[in-house]
Amino acid sequence: MFVNAELIRQLRLLAAYYRYTDKANRFRALAYERACKEIESLNYDVTQIHEDNRLDAIPGIGKSILLKI
């Protein structure tokens, strides 16, 4: 599940960026944190659903986050 861990690391970096650089985007930072928690709870590698273009099936992965993945 290395891919999951790396994806979570990248999303947390983006969450930190939004949290500390633009206070108006605190809800965006929270959305990235929520996506991280959802990915952490998966018992499979995200590449399984990425290949089927189904990453948006993960709760917390909306259009904006999906574009960054």
N, C-alpha and C. Protein backbone atom coordinates (compact mmCIF):
# COMPACT_ATOMS: atom_id res chain seq x y z
N MET A 1 0.82 -1.20 0.00
CA MET A 1 0.00 0.00 0.00
C MET A 1 0.86 1.26 0.00
N PHE A 2 2.02 1.13 -0.63
CA PHE A 2 2.92 2.26 -0.75
C PHE A 2 2.26 3.41 -1.49
N VAL A 3 1.47 3.09 -2.50
CA VAL A 3 0.81 4.13 -3.29
C VAL A 3 -0.13 4.94 -2.41
N ASN A 4 -0.89 4.27 -1.56
CA ASN A 4 -1.79 4.97 -0.65
C ASN A 4 -1.02 5.91 0.25
N ALA A 5 0.07 5.44 0.81
CA ALA A 5 0.87 6.26 1.73
C ALA A 5 1.43 7.48 1.01
N GLU A 6 1.90 7.30 -0.20
CA GLU A 6 2.45 8.43 -0.96
C GLU A 6 1.36 9.42 -1.33
N LEU A 7 0.21 8.93 -1.72
CA LEU A 7 -0.92 9.80 -2.05
C LEU A 7 -1.34 10.59 -0.82
N ILE A 8 -1.43 9.94 0.31
CA ILE A 8 -1.79 10.62 1.56
C ILE A 8 -0.75 11.70 1.88
N ARG A 9 0.52 11.38 1.71
CA ARG A 9 1.58 12.36 1.99
C ARG A 9 1.41 13.60 1.11
N GLN A 10 1.15 13.39 -0.16
CA GLN A 10 0.98 14.51 -1.09
C GLN A 10 -0.25 15.34 -0.75
N LEU A 11 -1.35 14.66 -0.44
CA LEU A 11 -2.58 15.38 -0.10
C LEU A 11 -2.42 16.17 1.19
N ARG A 12 -1.67 15.62 2.15
CA ARG A 12 -1.42 16.35 3.41
C ARG A 12 -0.57 17.59 3.16
N LEU A 13 0.36 17.50 2.22
CA LEU A 13 1.14 18.69 1.86
C LEU A 13 0.24 19.78 1.29
N LEU A 14 -0.68 19.38 0.44
CA LEU A 14 -1.62 20.36 -0.12
C LEU A 14 -2.52 20.94 0.96
N ALA A 15 -2.97 20.09 1.88
CA ALA A 15 -3.81 20.58 2.99
C ALA A 15 -3.04 21.60 3.82
N ALA A 16 -1.79 21.32 4.10
CA ALA A 16 -0.97 22.25 4.88
C ALA A 16 -0.78 23.56 4.11
N TYR A 17 -0.57 23.46 2.84
CA TYR A 17 -0.41 24.66 2.01
C TYR A 17 -1.65 25.54 2.13
N TYR A 18 -2.83 24.95 1.93
CA TYR A 18 -4.06 25.73 2.00
C TYR A 18 -4.30 26.26 3.42
N ARG A 19 -3.96 25.49 4.41
CA ARG A 19 -4.19 25.91 5.79
C ARG A 19 -3.33 27.11 6.16
N TYR A 20 -2.08 27.09 5.76
CA TYR A 20 -1.14 28.11 6.22
C TYR A 20 -0.95 29.29 5.29
N THR A 21 -1.33 29.17 4.04
CA THR A 21 -1.10 30.28 3.12
C THR A 21 -2.34 31.09 2.83
N ASP A 22 -3.48 30.50 3.01
CA ASP A 22 -4.71 31.22 2.65
C ASP A 22 -5.81 30.84 3.63
N LYS A 23 -6.01 31.66 4.62
CA LYS A 23 -7.00 31.37 5.67
C LYS A 23 -8.41 31.24 5.10
N ALA A 24 -8.67 31.86 3.96
CA ALA A 24 -9.98 31.76 3.34
C ALA A 24 -10.25 30.35 2.81
N ASN A 25 -9.20 29.57 2.64
CA ASN A 25 -9.36 28.22 2.10
C ASN A 25 -9.30 27.15 3.19
N ARG A 26 -9.66 27.47 4.41
CA ARG A 26 -9.57 26.48 5.48
C ARG A 26 -10.49 25.29 5.22
N PHE A 27 -11.62 25.53 4.55
CA PHE A 27 -12.50 24.41 4.25
C PHE A 27 -11.89 23.50 3.19
N ARG A 28 -11.12 24.08 2.29
CA ARG A 28 -10.42 23.26 1.30
C ARG A 28 -9.39 22.38 2.01
N ALA A 29 -8.68 22.94 2.98
CA ALA A 29 -7.70 22.17 3.75
C ALA A 29 -8.40 21.02 4.48
N LEU A 30 -9.56 21.30 5.04
CA LEU A 30 -10.32 20.25 5.73
C LEU A 30 -10.76 19.15 4.77
N ALA A 31 -11.09 19.53 3.55
CA ALA A 31 -11.50 18.54 2.54
C ALA A 31 -10.33 17.61 2.21
N TYR A 32 -9.14 18.16 2.10
CA TYR A 32 -7.96 17.34 1.82
C TYR A 32 -7.67 16.40 2.98
N GLU A 33 -7.83 16.89 4.20
CA GLU A 33 -7.62 16.04 5.38
C GLU A 33 -8.64 14.91 5.42
N ARG A 34 -9.88 15.22 5.07
CA ARG A 34 -10.93 14.19 5.04
C ARG A 34 -10.60 13.13 4.00
N ALA A 35 -10.14 13.56 2.85
CA ALA A 35 -9.75 12.61 1.80
C ALA A 35 -8.63 11.70 2.29
N CYS A 36 -7.69 12.27 3.02
CA CYS A 36 -6.58 11.47 3.58
C CYS A 36 -7.11 10.40 4.53
N LYS A 37 -8.02 10.78 5.38
CA LYS A 37 -8.59 9.82 6.34
C LYS A 37 -9.33 8.69 5.62
N GLU A 38 -10.03 9.04 4.58
CA GLU A 38 -10.76 8.02 3.82
C GLU A 38 -9.79 7.06 3.14
N ILE A 39 -8.72 7.57 2.57
CA ILE A 39 -7.74 6.72 1.91
C ILE A 39 -7.03 5.83 2.94
N GLU A 40 -6.74 6.39 4.11
CA GLU A 40 -6.12 5.60 5.17
C GLU A 40 -6.99 4.42 5.59
N SER A 41 -8.30 4.59 5.51
CA SER A 41 -9.21 3.53 5.96
C SER A 41 -9.40 2.42 4.92
N LEU A 42 -8.88 2.62 3.72
CA LEU A 42 -9.04 1.61 2.68
C LEU A 42 -8.20 0.37 2.99
N ASN A 43 -8.74 -0.77 2.66
CA ASN A 43 -7.99 -2.01 2.84
C ASN A 43 -7.47 -2.55 1.50
N TYR A 44 -7.37 -1.67 0.54
CA TYR A 44 -6.83 -2.02 -0.77
C TYR A 44 -6.05 -0.84 -1.32
N ASP A 45 -5.25 -1.08 -2.32
CA ASP A 45 -4.42 -0.06 -2.94
C ASP A 45 -5.28 0.78 -3.89
N VAL A 46 -5.12 2.08 -3.87
CA VAL A 46 -5.93 2.95 -4.72
C VAL A 46 -5.70 2.71 -6.21
N THR A 47 -4.58 2.10 -6.57
CA THR A 47 -4.34 1.84 -7.99
C THR A 47 -5.40 0.90 -8.56
N GLN A 48 -5.99 0.07 -7.72
CA GLN A 48 -7.04 -0.84 -8.18
C GLN A 48 -8.22 -0.07 -8.75
N ILE A 49 -8.63 1.00 -8.08
CA ILE A 49 -9.78 1.75 -8.59
C ILE A 49 -9.35 2.87 -9.53
N HIS A 50 -8.09 3.28 -9.44
CA HIS A 50 -7.59 4.30 -10.37
C HIS A 50 -7.60 3.77 -11.80
N GLU A 51 -7.23 2.52 -11.96
CA GLU A 51 -7.22 1.91 -13.30
C GLU A 51 -8.61 1.87 -13.91
N ASP A 52 -9.63 1.83 -13.07
CA ASP A 52 -11.01 1.81 -13.55
C ASP A 52 -11.63 3.21 -13.57
N ASN A 53 -10.79 4.25 -13.34
CA ASN A 53 -11.27 5.63 -13.26
C ASN A 53 -12.40 5.79 -12.25
N ARG A 54 -12.22 5.19 -11.08
CA ARG A 54 -13.25 5.22 -10.05
C ARG A 54 -12.77 5.84 -8.73
N LEU A 55 -11.74 6.66 -8.79
CA LEU A 55 -11.25 7.28 -7.56
C LEU A 55 -12.32 8.14 -6.90
N ASP A 56 -13.23 8.68 -7.70
CA ASP A 56 -14.29 9.50 -7.12
C ASP A 56 -15.29 8.68 -6.32
N ALA A 57 -15.15 7.36 -6.34
CA ALA A 57 -16.01 6.51 -5.51
C ALA A 57 -15.58 6.54 -4.04
N ILE A 58 -14.38 7.03 -3.78
CA ILE A 58 -13.90 7.16 -2.40
C ILE A 58 -14.56 8.39 -1.80
N PRO A 59 -15.24 8.25 -0.68
CA PRO A 59 -15.84 9.43 -0.04
C PRO A 59 -14.75 10.48 0.24
N GLY A 60 -15.07 11.72 -0.02
CA GLY A 60 -14.11 12.79 0.23
C GLY A 60 -13.26 13.15 -0.97
N ILE A 61 -13.31 12.34 -2.02
CA ILE A 61 -12.57 12.64 -3.25
C ILE A 61 -13.54 13.26 -4.24
N GLY A 62 -13.52 14.57 -4.28
CA GLY A 62 -14.39 15.30 -5.21
C GLY A 62 -13.63 15.69 -6.46
N LYS A 63 -14.28 16.50 -7.28
CA LYS A 63 -13.68 16.89 -8.56
C LYS A 63 -12.34 17.61 -8.39
N SER A 64 -12.29 18.52 -7.46
CA SER A 64 -11.07 19.32 -7.27
C SER A 64 -9.89 18.46 -6.84
N ILE A 65 -10.13 17.59 -5.87
CA ILE A 65 -9.06 16.70 -5.40
C ILE A 65 -8.70 15.69 -6.48
N LEU A 66 -9.69 15.20 -7.17
CA LEU A 66 -9.46 14.22 -8.23
C LEU A 66 -8.54 14.79 -9.31
N LEU A 67 -8.69 16.06 -9.62
CA LEU A 67 -7.83 16.68 -10.63
C LEU A 67 -6.38 16.75 -10.19
N LYS A 68 -6.15 16.74 -8.90
CA LYS A 68 -4.78 16.83 -8.39
C LYS A 68 -4.09 15.47 -8.30
N ILE A 69 -4.88 14.41 -8.36
CA ILE A 69 -4.31 13.06 -8.20
C ILE A 69 -3.72 12.61 -9.50
